[in-house]
């Protein structure tokens, strides 16, 4: 990943290797998150989706590569985590962070 970023001359991307359900990143600190290859993990995706929701900025985007399983099931699971499905491009499903969940947590 680092080699690709350097080769393209991208300056605003910083790859990290971390636990997907406990990144230790600050709240609302990133604009975009990619999930690739994590569709079926021990314990399910609920903790991972909650962590990504926590670290994404308002209006942030979650890009999710769909592997196996029904598309509707994936969409429903991610939407339950506070995201709005916004479309797909081939195997990549795009979701936007919903503000409703965040606002209700603050009340």
PDB file of N, CA and C in Angstrom:
ATOM      1  N   UNK A   1       0.833  -1.183   0.000  1.00  0.00           N
ATOM      2  CA  UNK A   1       0.000   0.000   0.000  1.00  0.00           C
ATOM      3  C   UNK A   1       0.883   1.254   0.000  1.00  0.00           C
ATOM      4  N   UNK A   2       1.900   1.271   0.862  1.00  0.00           N
ATOM      5  CA  UNK A   2       2.780   2.439   0.931  1.00  0.00           C
ATOM      6  C   UNK A   2       3.453   2.706  -0.410  1.00  0.00           C
ATOM      7  N   UNK A   3       3.888   1.638  -1.086  1.00  0.00           N
ATOM      8  CA  UNK A   3       4.537   1.803  -2.391  1.00  0.00           C
ATOM      9  C   UNK A   3       3.588   2.415  -3.414  1.00  0.00           C
ATOM     10  N   UNK A   4       2.339   1.970  -3.422  1.00  0.00           N
ATOM     11  CA  UNK A   4       1.356   2.514  -4.362  1.00  0.00           C
ATOM     12  C   UNK A   4       1.099   3.993  -4.087  1.00  0.00           C
ATOM     13  N   UNK A   5       0.991   4.348  -2.813  1.00  0.00           N
ATOM     14  CA  UNK A   5       0.752   5.745  -2.443  1.00  0.00           C
ATOM     15  C   UNK A   5       1.921   6.624  -2.897  1.00  0.00           C
ATOM     16  N   UNK A   6       3.138   6.164  -2.627  1.00  0.00           N
ATOM     17  CA  UNK A   6       4.330   6.922  -3.032  1.00  0.00           C
ATOM     18  C   UNK A   6       4.429   7.033  -4.549  1.00  0.00           C
ATOM     19  N   UNK A   7       4.179   5.915  -5.243  1.00  0.00           N
ATOM     20  CA  UNK A   7       4.258   5.898  -6.709  1.00  0.00           C
ATOM     21  C   UNK A   7       3.296   6.904  -7.327  1.00  0.00           C
ATOM     22  N   UNK A   8       2.099   7.024  -6.751  1.00  0.00           N
ATOM     23  CA  UNK A   8       1.089   7.953  -7.266  1.00  0.00           C
ATOM     24  C   UNK A   8       1.289   9.377  -6.770  1.00  0.00           C
ATOM     25  N   UNK A   9       2.193   9.572  -5.816  1.00  0.00           N
ATOM     26  CA  UNK A   9       2.451  10.915  -5.293  1.00  0.00           C
ATOM     27  C   UNK A   9       1.331  11.453  -4.424  1.00  0.00           C
ATOM     28  N   UNK A  10       0.562  10.567  -3.810  1.00  0.00           N
ATOM     29  CA  UNK A  10      -0.559  10.980  -2.975  1.00  0.00           C
ATOM     30  C   UNK A  10      -0.035  11.413  -1.614  1.00  0.00           C
ATOM     31  N   UNK A  11      -0.459  12.581  -1.166  1.00  0.00           N
ATOM     32  CA  UNK A  11       0.068  13.148   0.084  1.00  0.00           C
ATOM     33  C   UNK A  11      -0.914  13.110   1.246  1.00  0.00           C
ATOM     34  N   UNK A  12      -2.198  12.909   0.982  1.00  0.00           N
ATOM     35  CA  UNK A  12      -3.196  12.986   2.061  1.00  0.00           C
ATOM     36  C   UNK A  12      -3.750  11.618   2.473  1.00  0.00           C
ATOM     37  N   UNK A  13      -2.967  10.570   2.271  1.00  0.00           N
ATOM     38  CA  UNK A  13      -3.368   9.220   2.652  1.00  0.00           C
ATOM     39  C   UNK A  13      -2.292   8.622   3.542  1.00  0.00           C
ATOM     40  N   UNK A  14      -2.725   8.028   4.632  1.00  0.00           N
ATOM     41  CA  UNK A  14      -1.779   7.391   5.542  1.00  0.00           C
ATOM     42  C   UNK A  14      -2.266   6.012   5.936  1.00  0.00           C
ATOM     43  N   UNK A  15      -1.722   4.953   5.346  1.00  0.00           N
ATOM     44  CA  UNK A  15      -2.165   3.610   5.708  1.00  0.00           C
ATOM     45  C   UNK A  15      -1.726   3.253   7.128  1.00  0.00           C
ATOM     46  N   UNK A  16      -2.565   2.508   7.813  1.00  0.00           N
ATOM     47  CA  UNK A  16      -2.215   2.033   9.152  1.00  0.00           C
ATOM     48  C   UNK A  16      -2.569   0.554   9.249  1.00  0.00           C
ATOM     49  N   UNK A  17      -1.837  -0.158  10.086  1.00  0.00           N
ATOM     50  CA  UNK A  17      -2.147  -1.547  10.379  1.00  0.00           C
ATOM     51  C   UNK A  17      -2.636  -1.582  11.811  1.00  0.00           C
ATOM     52  N   UNK A  18      -3.912  -1.951  11.990  1.00  0.00           N
ATOM     53  CA  UNK A  18      -4.510  -1.892  13.318  1.00  0.00           C
ATOM     54  C   UNK A  18      -5.648  -2.892  13.423  1.00  0.00           C
ATOM     55  N   UNK A  19      -6.147  -3.085  14.606  1.00  0.00           N
ATOM     56  CA  UNK A  19      -7.311  -3.911  14.839  1.00  0.00           C
ATOM     57  C   UNK A  19      -8.531  -3.150  14.322  1.00  0.00           C
ATOM     58  N   UNK A  20      -9.279  -3.758  13.420  1.00  0.00           N
ATOM     59  CA  UNK A  20     -10.405  -3.061  12.780  1.00  0.00           C
ATOM     60  C   UNK A  20     -11.525  -2.697  13.745  1.00  0.00           C
ATOM     61  N   UNK A  21     -11.638  -3.390  14.865  1.00  0.00           N
ATOM     62  CA  UNK A  21     -12.708  -3.063  15.813  1.00  0.00           C
ATOM     63  C   UNK A  21     -12.227  -2.189  16.964  1.00  0.00           C
ATOM     64  N   UNK A  22     -10.938  -1.840  16.971  1.00  0.00           N
ATOM     65  CA  UNK A  22     -10.377  -0.942  18.000  1.00  0.00           C
ATOM     66  C   UNK A  22      -9.145  -0.265  17.423  1.00  0.00           C
ATOM     67  N   UNK A  23      -9.361   0.732  16.573  1.00  0.00           N
ATOM     68  CA  UNK A  23      -8.263   1.361  15.836  1.00  0.00           C
ATOM     69  C   UNK A  23      -7.412   2.297  16.690  1.00  0.00           C
ATOM     70  N   UNK A  24      -7.985   2.779  17.785  1.00  0.00           N
ATOM     71  CA  UNK A  24      -7.331   3.772  18.653  1.00  0.00           C
ATOM     72  C   UNK A  24      -7.158   5.133  17.965  1.00  0.00           C
ATOM     73  N   UNK A  25      -7.890   5.331  16.871  1.00  0.00           N
ATOM     74  CA  UNK A  25      -7.896   6.631  16.206  1.00  0.00           C
ATOM     75  C   UNK A  25      -8.879   7.545  16.920  1.00  0.00           C
ATOM     76  N   UNK A  26      -8.656   8.852  16.845  1.00  0.00           N
ATOM     77  CA  UNK A  26      -9.596   9.791  17.476  1.00  0.00           C
ATOM     78  C   UNK A  26     -10.972   9.762  16.813  1.00  0.00           C
ATOM     79  N   UNK A  27     -12.001  10.111  17.580  1.00  0.00           N
ATOM     80  CA  UNK A  27     -13.351  10.250  17.042  1.00  0.00           C
ATOM     81  C   UNK A  27     -13.343  11.216  15.865  1.00  0.00           C
ATOM     82  N   UNK A  28     -14.155  10.891  14.869  1.00  0.00           N
ATOM     83  CA  UNK A  28     -14.369  11.790  13.714  1.00  0.00           C
ATOM     84  C   UNK A  28     -13.055  12.301  13.126  1.00  0.00           C
ATOM     85  N   UNK A  29     -12.129  11.380  12.857  1.00  0.00           N
ATOM     86  CA  UNK A  29     -10.806  11.801  12.406  1.00  0.00           C
ATOM     87  C   UNK A  29     -10.470  11.425  10.965  1.00  0.00           C
ATOM     88  N   UNK A  30     -11.323  10.647  10.293  1.00  0.00           N
ATOM     89  CA  UNK A  30     -11.015  10.264   8.914  1.00  0.00           C
ATOM     90  C   UNK A  30     -12.209  10.541   8.002  1.00  0.00           C
ATOM     91  N   UNK A  31     -11.918  10.680   6.717  1.00  0.00           N
ATOM     92  CA  UNK A  31     -12.944  10.976   5.721  1.00  0.00           C
ATOM     93  C   UNK A  31     -13.469   9.729   5.012  1.00  0.00           C
ATOM     94  N   UNK A  32     -12.628   8.710   4.892  1.00  0.00           N
ATOM     95  CA  UNK A  32     -12.950   7.559   4.073  1.00  0.00           C
ATOM     96  C   UNK A  32     -12.345   6.308   4.679  1.00  0.00           C
ATOM     97  N   UNK A  33     -13.128   5.234   4.736  1.00  0.00           N
ATOM     98  CA  UNK A  33     -12.636   3.943   5.214  1.00  0.00           C
ATOM     99  C   UNK A  33     -12.962   2.879   4.178  1.00  0.00           C
ATOM    100  N   UNK A  34     -12.013   1.984   3.942  1.00  0.00           N
ATOM    101  CA  UNK A  34     -12.208   0.849   3.045  1.00  0.00           C
ATOM    102  C   UNK A  34     -12.229  -0.427   3.867  1.00  0.00           C
ATOM    103  N   UNK A  35     -13.166  -1.312   3.576  1.00  0.00           N
ATOM    104  CA  UNK A  35     -13.155  -2.649   4.160  1.00  0.00           C
ATOM    105  C   UNK A  35     -13.037  -3.626   2.999  1.00  0.00           C
ATOM    106  N   UNK A  36     -11.933  -4.333   2.989  1.00  0.00           N
ATOM    107  CA  UNK A  36     -11.688  -5.346   1.963  1.00  0.00           C
ATOM    108  C   UNK A  36     -11.322  -6.651   2.644  1.00  0.00           C
ATOM    109  N   UNK A  37     -12.023  -7.704   2.300  1.00  0.00           N
ATOM    110  CA  UNK A  37     -11.691  -9.020   2.808  1.00  0.00           C
ATOM    111  C   UNK A  37     -12.134  -9.310   4.226  1.00  0.00           C
ATOM    112  N   UNK A  38     -13.032  -8.516   4.794  1.00  0.00           N
ATOM    113  CA  UNK A  38     -13.481  -8.741   6.167  1.00  0.00           C
ATOM    114  C   UNK A  38     -14.947  -9.146   6.253  1.00  0.00           C
ATOM    115  N   UNK A  39     -15.546  -9.586   5.183  1.00  0.00           N
ATOM    116  CA  UNK A  39     -16.983  -9.863   5.194  1.00  0.00           C
ATOM    117  C   UNK A  39     -17.370 -10.878   6.261  1.00  0.00           C
ATOM    118  N   UNK A  40     -16.591 -11.918   6.412  1.00  0.00           N
ATOM    119  CA  UNK A  40     -16.906 -12.930   7.419  1.00  0.00           C
ATOM    120  C   UNK A  40     -15.776 -12.991   8.424  1.00  0.00           C
ATOM    121  N   UNK A  41     -15.994 -12.411   9.588  1.00  0.00           N
ATOM    122  CA  UNK A  41     -14.993 -12.440  10.648  1.00  0.00           C
ATOM    123  C   UNK A  41     -15.627 -13.006  11.906  1.00  0.00           C
ATOM    124  N   UNK A  42     -14.799 -13.545  12.762  1.00  0.00           N
ATOM    125  CA  UNK A  42     -15.292 -14.107  14.019  1.00  0.00           C
ATOM    126  C   UNK A  42     -16.058 -13.039  14.785  1.00  0.00           C
ATOM    127  N   UNK A  43     -17.242 -13.358  15.216  1.00  0.00           N
ATOM    128  CA  UNK A  43     -18.054 -12.416  15.975  1.00  0.00           C
ATOM    129  C   UNK A  43     -18.857 -11.462  15.111  1.00  0.00           C
ATOM    130  N   UNK A  44     -18.703 -11.518  13.794  1.00  0.00           N
ATOM    131  CA  UNK A  44     -19.467 -10.662  12.899  1.00  0.00           C
ATOM    132  C   UNK A  44     -18.849  -9.288  12.717  1.00  0.00           C
ATOM    133  N   UNK A  45     -19.529  -8.473  11.958  1.00  0.00           N
ATOM    134  CA  UNK A  45     -19.022  -7.142  11.595  1.00  0.00           C
ATOM    135  C   UNK A  45     -19.486  -6.023  12.522  1.00  0.00           C
ATOM    136  N   UNK A  46     -20.370  -6.307  13.434  1.00  0.00           N
ATOM    137  CA  UNK A  46     -20.982  -5.245  14.242  1.00  0.00           C
ATOM    138  C   UNK A  46     -19.949  -4.341  14.912  1.00  0.00           C
ATOM    139  N   UNK A  47     -18.931  -4.906  15.556  1.00  0.00           N
ATOM    140  CA  UNK A  47     -17.921  -4.088  16.242  1.00  0.00           C
ATOM    141  C   UNK A  47     -17.072  -3.283  15.262  1.00  0.00           C
ATOM    142  N   UNK A  48     -16.770  -3.878  14.114  1.00  0.00           N
ATOM    143  CA  UNK A  48     -15.975  -3.178  13.104  1.00  0.00           C
ATOM    144  C   UNK A  48     -16.764  -1.991  12.557  1.00  0.00           C
ATOM    145  N   UNK A  49     -18.025  -2.209  12.239  1.00  0.00           N
ATOM    146  CA  UNK A  49     -18.866  -1.132  11.702  1.00  0.00           C
ATOM    147  C   UNK A  49     -19.036  -0.019  12.737  1.00  0.00           C
ATOM    148  N   UNK A  50     -19.225  -0.380  13.999  1.00  0.00           N
ATOM    149  CA  UNK A  50     -19.359   0.634  15.055  1.00  0.00           C
ATOM    150  C   UNK A  50     -18.080   1.463  15.177  1.00  0.00           C
ATOM    151  N   UNK A  51     -16.930   0.821  15.080  1.00  0.00           N
ATOM    152  CA  UNK A  51     -15.654   1.543  15.176  1.00  0.00           C
ATOM    153  C   UNK A  51     -15.469   2.483  13.998  1.00  0.00           C
ATOM    154  N   UNK A  52     -15.808   2.028  12.812  1.00  0.00           N
ATOM    155  CA  UNK A  52     -15.674   2.893  11.639  1.00  0.00           C
ATOM    156  C   UNK A  52     -16.638   4.071  11.744  1.00  0.00           C
ATOM    157  N   UNK A  53     -17.831   3.826  12.224  1.00  0.00           N
ATOM    158  CA  UNK A  53     -18.777   4.928  12.409  1.00  0.00           C
ATOM    159  C   UNK A  53     -18.209   5.962  13.378  1.00  0.00           C
ATOM    160  N   UNK A  54     -17.574   5.501  14.431  1.00  0.00           N
ATOM    161  CA  UNK A  54     -16.995   6.402  15.441  1.00  0.00           C
ATOM    162  C   UNK A  54     -15.868   7.260  14.862  1.00  0.00           C
ATOM    163  N   UNK A  55     -15.011   6.686  14.032  1.00  0.00           N
ATOM    164  CA  UNK A  55     -13.838   7.425  13.562  1.00  0.00           C
ATOM    165  C   UNK A  55     -14.082   8.232  12.296  1.00  0.00           C
ATOM    166  N   UNK A  56     -15.190   7.965  11.585  1.00  0.00           N
ATOM    167  CA  UNK A  56     -15.478   8.750  10.378  1.00  0.00           C
ATOM    168  C   UNK A  56     -16.017  10.133  10.736  1.00  0.00           C
ATOM    169  N   UNK A  57     -15.593  11.110   9.967  1.00  0.00           N
ATOM    170  CA  UNK A  57     -16.121  12.467  10.104  1.00  0.00           C
ATOM    171  C   UNK A  57     -17.574  12.488   9.642  1.00  0.00           C
ATOM    172  N   UNK A  58     -18.352  13.493  10.058  1.00  0.00           N
ATOM    173  CA  UNK A  58     -19.724  13.616   9.544  1.00  0.00           C
ATOM    174  C   UNK A  58     -19.713  13.619   8.012  1.00  0.00           C
ATOM    175  N   UNK A  59     -20.582  12.824   7.420  1.00  0.00           N
ATOM    176  CA  UNK A  59     -20.630  12.712   5.966  1.00  0.00           C
ATOM    177  C   UNK A  59     -19.552  11.815   5.391  1.00  0.00           C
ATOM    178  N   UNK A  60     -18.751  11.164   6.251  1.00  0.00           N
ATOM    179  CA  UNK A  60     -17.684  10.287   5.794  1.00  0.00           C
ATOM    180  C   UNK A  60     -18.221   9.090   5.027  1.00  0.00           C
ATOM    181  N   UNK A  61     -17.350   8.462   4.258  1.00  0.00           N
ATOM    182  CA  UNK A  61     -17.747   7.363   3.380  1.00  0.00           C
ATOM    183  C   UNK A  61     -17.077   6.061   3.802  1.00  0.00           C
ATOM    184  N   UNK A  62     -17.878   5.008   3.822  1.00  0.00           N
ATOM    185  CA  UNK A  62     -17.387   3.653   4.029  1.00  0.00           C
ATOM    186  C   UNK A  62     -17.511   2.927   2.699  1.00  0.00           C
ATOM    187  N   UNK A  63     -16.401   2.430   2.189  1.00  0.00           N
ATOM    188  CA  UNK A  63     -16.362   1.680   0.944  1.00  0.00           C
ATOM    189  C   UNK A  63     -16.129   0.215   1.310  1.00  0.00           C
ATOM    190  N   UNK A  64     -17.039  -0.655   0.905  1.00  0.00           N
ATOM    191  CA  UNK A  64     -17.023  -2.034   1.355  1.00  0.00           C
ATOM    192  C   UNK A  64     -17.001  -2.971   0.157  1.00  0.00           C
ATOM    193  N   UNK A  65     -15.977  -3.819   0.080  1.00  0.00           N
ATOM    194  CA  UNK A  65     -15.919  -4.811  -0.989  1.00  0.00           C
ATOM    195  C   UNK A  65     -16.786  -6.004  -0.604  1.00  0.00           C
ATOM    196  N   UNK A  66     -17.804  -6.263  -1.403  1.00  0.00           N
ATOM    197  CA  UNK A  66     -18.668  -7.410  -1.153  1.00  0.00           C
ATOM    198  C   UNK A  66     -18.009  -8.641  -1.745  1.00  0.00           C
ATOM    199  N   UNK A  67     -17.908  -9.670  -0.919  1.00  0.00           N
ATOM    200  CA  UNK A  67     -17.358 -10.929  -1.411  1.00  0.00           C
ATOM    201  C   UNK A  67     -18.512 -11.914  -1.538  1.00  0.00           C
ATOM    202  N   UNK A  68     -18.652 -12.809  -0.598  1.00  0.00           N
ATOM    203  CA  UNK A  68     -19.720 -13.801  -0.657  1.00  0.00           C
ATOM    204  C   UNK A  68     -20.942 -13.310   0.099  1.00  0.00           C
ATOM    205  N   UNK A  69     -22.066 -13.968  -0.164  1.00  0.00           N
ATOM    206  CA  UNK A  69     -23.283 -13.635   0.563  1.00  0.00           C
ATOM    207  C   UNK A  69     -24.181 -12.690  -0.211  1.00  0.00           C
ATOM    208  N   UNK A  70     -25.369 -12.518   0.322  1.00  0.00           N
ATOM    209  CA  UNK A  70     -26.383 -11.692  -0.327  1.00  0.00           C
ATOM    210  C   UNK A  70     -26.086 -10.208  -0.145  1.00  0.00           C
ATOM    211  N   UNK A  71     -26.266  -9.456  -1.209  1.00  0.00           N
ATOM    212  CA  UNK A  71     -26.049  -8.012  -1.161  1.00  0.00           C
ATOM    213  C   UNK A  71     -26.989  -7.353  -0.158  1.00  0.00           C
ATOM    214  N   UNK A  72     -28.243  -7.773  -0.146  1.00  0.00           N
ATOM    215  CA  UNK A  72     -29.220  -7.168   0.766  1.00  0.00           C
ATOM    216  C   UNK A  72     -28.802  -7.367   2.227  1.00  0.00           C
ATOM    217  N   UNK A  73     -28.276  -8.531   2.550  1.00  0.00           N
ATOM    218  CA  UNK A  73     -27.841  -8.801   3.919  1.00  0.00           C
ATOM    219  C   UNK A  73     -26.703  -7.857   4.318  1.00  0.00           C
ATOM    220  N   UNK A  74     -25.746  -7.657   3.428  1.00  0.00           N
ATOM    221  CA  UNK A  74     -24.639  -6.739   3.704  1.00  0.00           C
ATOM    222  C   UNK A  74     -25.156  -5.320   3.905  1.00  0.00           C
ATOM    223  N   UNK A  75     -26.018  -4.863   2.999  1.00  0.00           N
ATOM    224  CA  UNK A  75     -26.562  -3.511   3.090  1.00  0.00           C
ATOM    225  C   UNK A  75     -27.315  -3.324   4.401  1.00  0.00           C
ATOM    226  N   UNK A  76     -28.162  -4.282   4.752  1.00  0.00           N
ATOM    227  CA  UNK A  76     -28.924  -4.188   6.005  1.00  0.00           C
ATOM    228  C   UNK A  76     -27.996  -4.123   7.217  1.00  0.00           C
ATOM    229  N   UNK A  77     -26.963  -4.957   7.227  1.00  0.00           N
ATOM    230  CA  UNK A  77     -26.039  -4.999   8.367  1.00  0.00           C
ATOM    231  C   UNK A  77     -25.294  -3.673   8.539  1.00  0.00           C
ATOM    232  N   UNK A  78     -24.822  -3.119   7.448  1.00  0.00           N
ATOM    233  CA  UNK A  78     -24.084  -1.847   7.528  1.00  0.00           C
ATOM    234  C   UNK A  78     -25.038  -0.707   7.877  1.00  0.00           C
ATOM    235  N   UNK A  79     -26.235  -0.706   7.318  1.00  0.00           N
ATOM    236  CA  UNK A  79     -27.206   0.345   7.648  1.00  0.00           C
ATOM    237  C   UNK A  79     -27.595   0.302   9.126  1.00  0.00           C
ATOM    238  N   UNK A  80     -27.701  -0.885   9.710  1.00  0.00           N
ATOM    239  CA  UNK A  80     -27.984  -0.982  11.152  1.00  0.00           C
ATOM    240  C   UNK A  80     -26.873  -0.346  11.980  1.00  0.00           C
ATOM    241  N   UNK A  81     -25.691  -0.254  11.417  1.00  0.00           N
ATOM    242  CA  UNK A  81     -24.553   0.348  12.107  1.00  0.00           C
ATOM    243  C   UNK A  81     -24.473   1.857  11.964  1.00  0.00           C
ATOM    244  N   UNK A  82     -25.483   2.478  11.361  1.00  0.00           N
ATOM    245  CA  UNK A  82     -25.513   3.936  11.272  1.00  0.00           C
ATOM    246  C   UNK A  82     -25.055   4.509   9.949  1.00  0.00           C
ATOM    247  N   UNK A  83     -25.171   3.730   8.894  1.00  0.00           N
ATOM    248  CA  UNK A  83     -24.766   4.194   7.569  1.00  0.00           C
ATOM    249  C   UNK A  83     -25.943   4.174   6.612  1.00  0.00           C
ATOM    250  N   UNK A  84     -25.838   4.967   5.557  1.00  0.00           N
ATOM    251  CA  UNK A  84     -26.848   5.017   4.502  1.00  0.00           C
ATOM    252  C   UNK A  84     -26.215   4.471   3.230  1.00  0.00           C
ATOM    253  N   UNK A  85     -26.843   3.469   2.652  1.00  0.00           N
ATOM    254  CA  UNK A  85     -26.355   2.893   1.401  1.00  0.00           C
ATOM    255  C   UNK A  85     -26.499   3.925   0.295  1.00  0.00           C
ATOM    256  N   UNK A  86     -25.405   4.164  -0.449  1.00  0.00           N
ATOM    257  CA  UNK A  86     -25.469   5.190  -1.487  1.00  0.00           C
ATOM    258  C   UNK A  86     -25.159   4.659  -2.883  1.00  0.00           C
ATOM    259  N   UNK A  87     -25.011   3.347  -3.021  1.00  0.00           N
ATOM    260  CA  UNK A  87     -24.815   2.777  -4.349  1.00  0.00           C
ATOM    261  C   UNK A  87     -23.645   1.823  -4.398  1.00  0.00           C
ATOM    262  N   UNK A  88     -23.415   1.311  -5.604  1.00  0.00           N
ATOM    263  CA  UNK A  88     -22.310   0.383  -5.758  1.00  0.00           C
ATOM    264  C   UNK A  88     -21.654   0.544  -7.097  1.00  0.00           C
ATOM    265  N   UNK A  89     -20.390   0.161  -7.151  1.00  0.00           N
ATOM    266  CA  UNK A  89     -19.615   0.138  -8.382  1.00  0.00           C
ATOM    267  C   UNK A  89     -18.969  -1.243  -8.447  1.00  0.00           C
ATOM    268  N   UNK A  90     -19.524  -2.108  -9.270  1.00  0.00           N
ATOM    269  CA  UNK A  90     -19.094  -3.506  -9.369  1.00  0.00           C
ATOM    270  C   UNK A  90     -19.241  -4.165  -8.002  1.00  0.00           C
ATOM    271  N   UNK A  91     -18.154  -4.649  -7.400  1.00  0.00           N
ATOM    272  CA  UNK A  91     -18.223  -5.327  -6.088  1.00  0.00           C
ATOM    273  C   UNK A  91     -18.062  -4.367  -4.922  1.00  0.00           C
ATOM    274  N   UNK A  92     -17.908  -3.082  -5.186  1.00  0.00           N
ATOM    275  CA  UNK A  92     -17.686  -2.101  -4.129  1.00  0.00           C
ATOM    276  C   UNK A  92     -19.006  -1.420  -3.778  1.00  0.00           C
ATOM    277  N   UNK A  93     -19.405  -1.573  -2.516  1.00  0.00           N
ATOM    278  CA  UNK A  93     -20.626  -0.951  -2.003  1.00  0.00           C
ATOM    279  C   UNK A  93     -20.232   0.304  -1.236  1.00  0.00           C
ATOM    280  N   UNK A  94     -20.942   1.388  -1.467  1.00  0.00           N
ATOM    281  CA  UNK A  94     -20.627   2.672  -0.838  1.00  0.00           C
ATOM    282  C   UNK A  94     -21.713   3.056   0.156  1.00  0.00           C
ATOM    283  N   UNK A  95     -21.265   3.513   1.320  1.00  0.00           N
ATOM    284  CA  UNK A  95     -22.169   3.933   2.388  1.00  0.00           C
ATOM    285  C   UNK A  95     -21.696   5.281   2.919  1.00  0.00           C
ATOM    286  N   UNK A  96     -22.631   6.113   3.328  1.00  0.00           N
ATOM    287  CA  UNK A  96     -22.328   7.409   3.938  1.00  0.00           C
ATOM    288  C   UNK A  96     -22.713   7.356   5.404  1.00  0.00           C
ATOM    289  N   UNK A  97     -21.901   7.962   6.234  1.00  0.00           N
ATOM    290  CA  UNK A  97     -22.186   7.994   7.667  1.00  0.00           C
ATOM    291  C   UNK A  97     -23.476   8.764   7.911  1.00  0.00           C
ATOM    292  N   UNK A  98     -24.408   8.133   8.609  1.00  0.00           N
ATOM    293  CA  UNK A  98     -25.678   8.765   8.936  1.00  0.00           C
ATOM    294  C   UNK A  98     -25.502   9.661  10.153  1.00  0.00           C
ATOM    295  N   UNK A  99     -26.061  10.839  10.087  1.00  0.00           N
ATOM    296  CA  UNK A  99     -25.972  11.760  11.222  1.00  0.00           C
ATOM    297  C   UNK A  99     -27.034  11.457  12.275  1.00  0.00           C
ATOM    298  N   UNK A 100     -28.112  10.761  11.887  1.00  0.00           N
ATOM    299  CA  UNK A 100     -29.195  10.470  12.831  1.00  0.00           C
ATOM    300  C   UNK A 100     -28.708   9.711  14.052  1.00  0.00           C
ATOM    301  N   UNK A 101     -27.916   8.663  13.833  1.00  0.00           N
ATOM    302  CA  UNK A 101     -27.402   7.861  14.951  1.00  0.00           C
ATOM    303  C   UNK A 101     -26.527   8.719  15.855  1.00  0.00           C
ATOM    304  N   UNK A 102     -25.657   9.498  15.249  1.00  0.00           N
ATOM    305  CA  UNK A 102     -24.740  10.336  16.011  1.00  0.00           C
ATOM    306  C   UNK A 102     -25.497  11.364  16.838  1.00  0.00           C
ATOM    307  N   UNK A 103     -26.480  12.000  16.217  1.00  0.00           N
ATOM    308  CA  UNK A 103     -27.247  13.020  16.951  1.00  0.00           C
ATOM    309  C   UNK A 103     -28.041  12.408  18.089  1.00  0.00           C
ATOM    310  N   UNK A 104     -28.578  11.186  17.876  1.00  0.00           N
ATOM    311  CA  UNK A 104     -29.353  10.564  18.936  1.00  0.00           C
ATOM    312  C   UNK A 104     -28.444  10.121  20.091  1.00  0.00           C
ATOM    313  N   UNK A 105     -27.182   9.788  19.793  1.00  0.00           N
ATOM    314  CA  UNK A 105     -26.248   9.421  20.843  1.00  0.00           C
ATOM    315  C   UNK A 105     -25.865  10.620  21.706  1.00  0.00           C
ATOM    316  N   UNK A 106     -25.905  11.802  21.110  1.00  0.00           N
ATOM    317  CA  UNK A 106     -25.497  13.006  21.830  1.00  0.00           C
ATOM    318  C   UNK A 106     -26.596  13.523  22.760  1.00  0.00           C
ATOM    319  N   UNK A 107     -27.843  13.076  22.550  1.00  0.00           N
ATOM    320  CA  UNK A 107     -28.972  13.576  23.356  1.00  0.00           C
ATOM    321  C   UNK A 107     -29.044  12.877  24.679  1.00  0.00           C
TER     322      UNK A 107
END
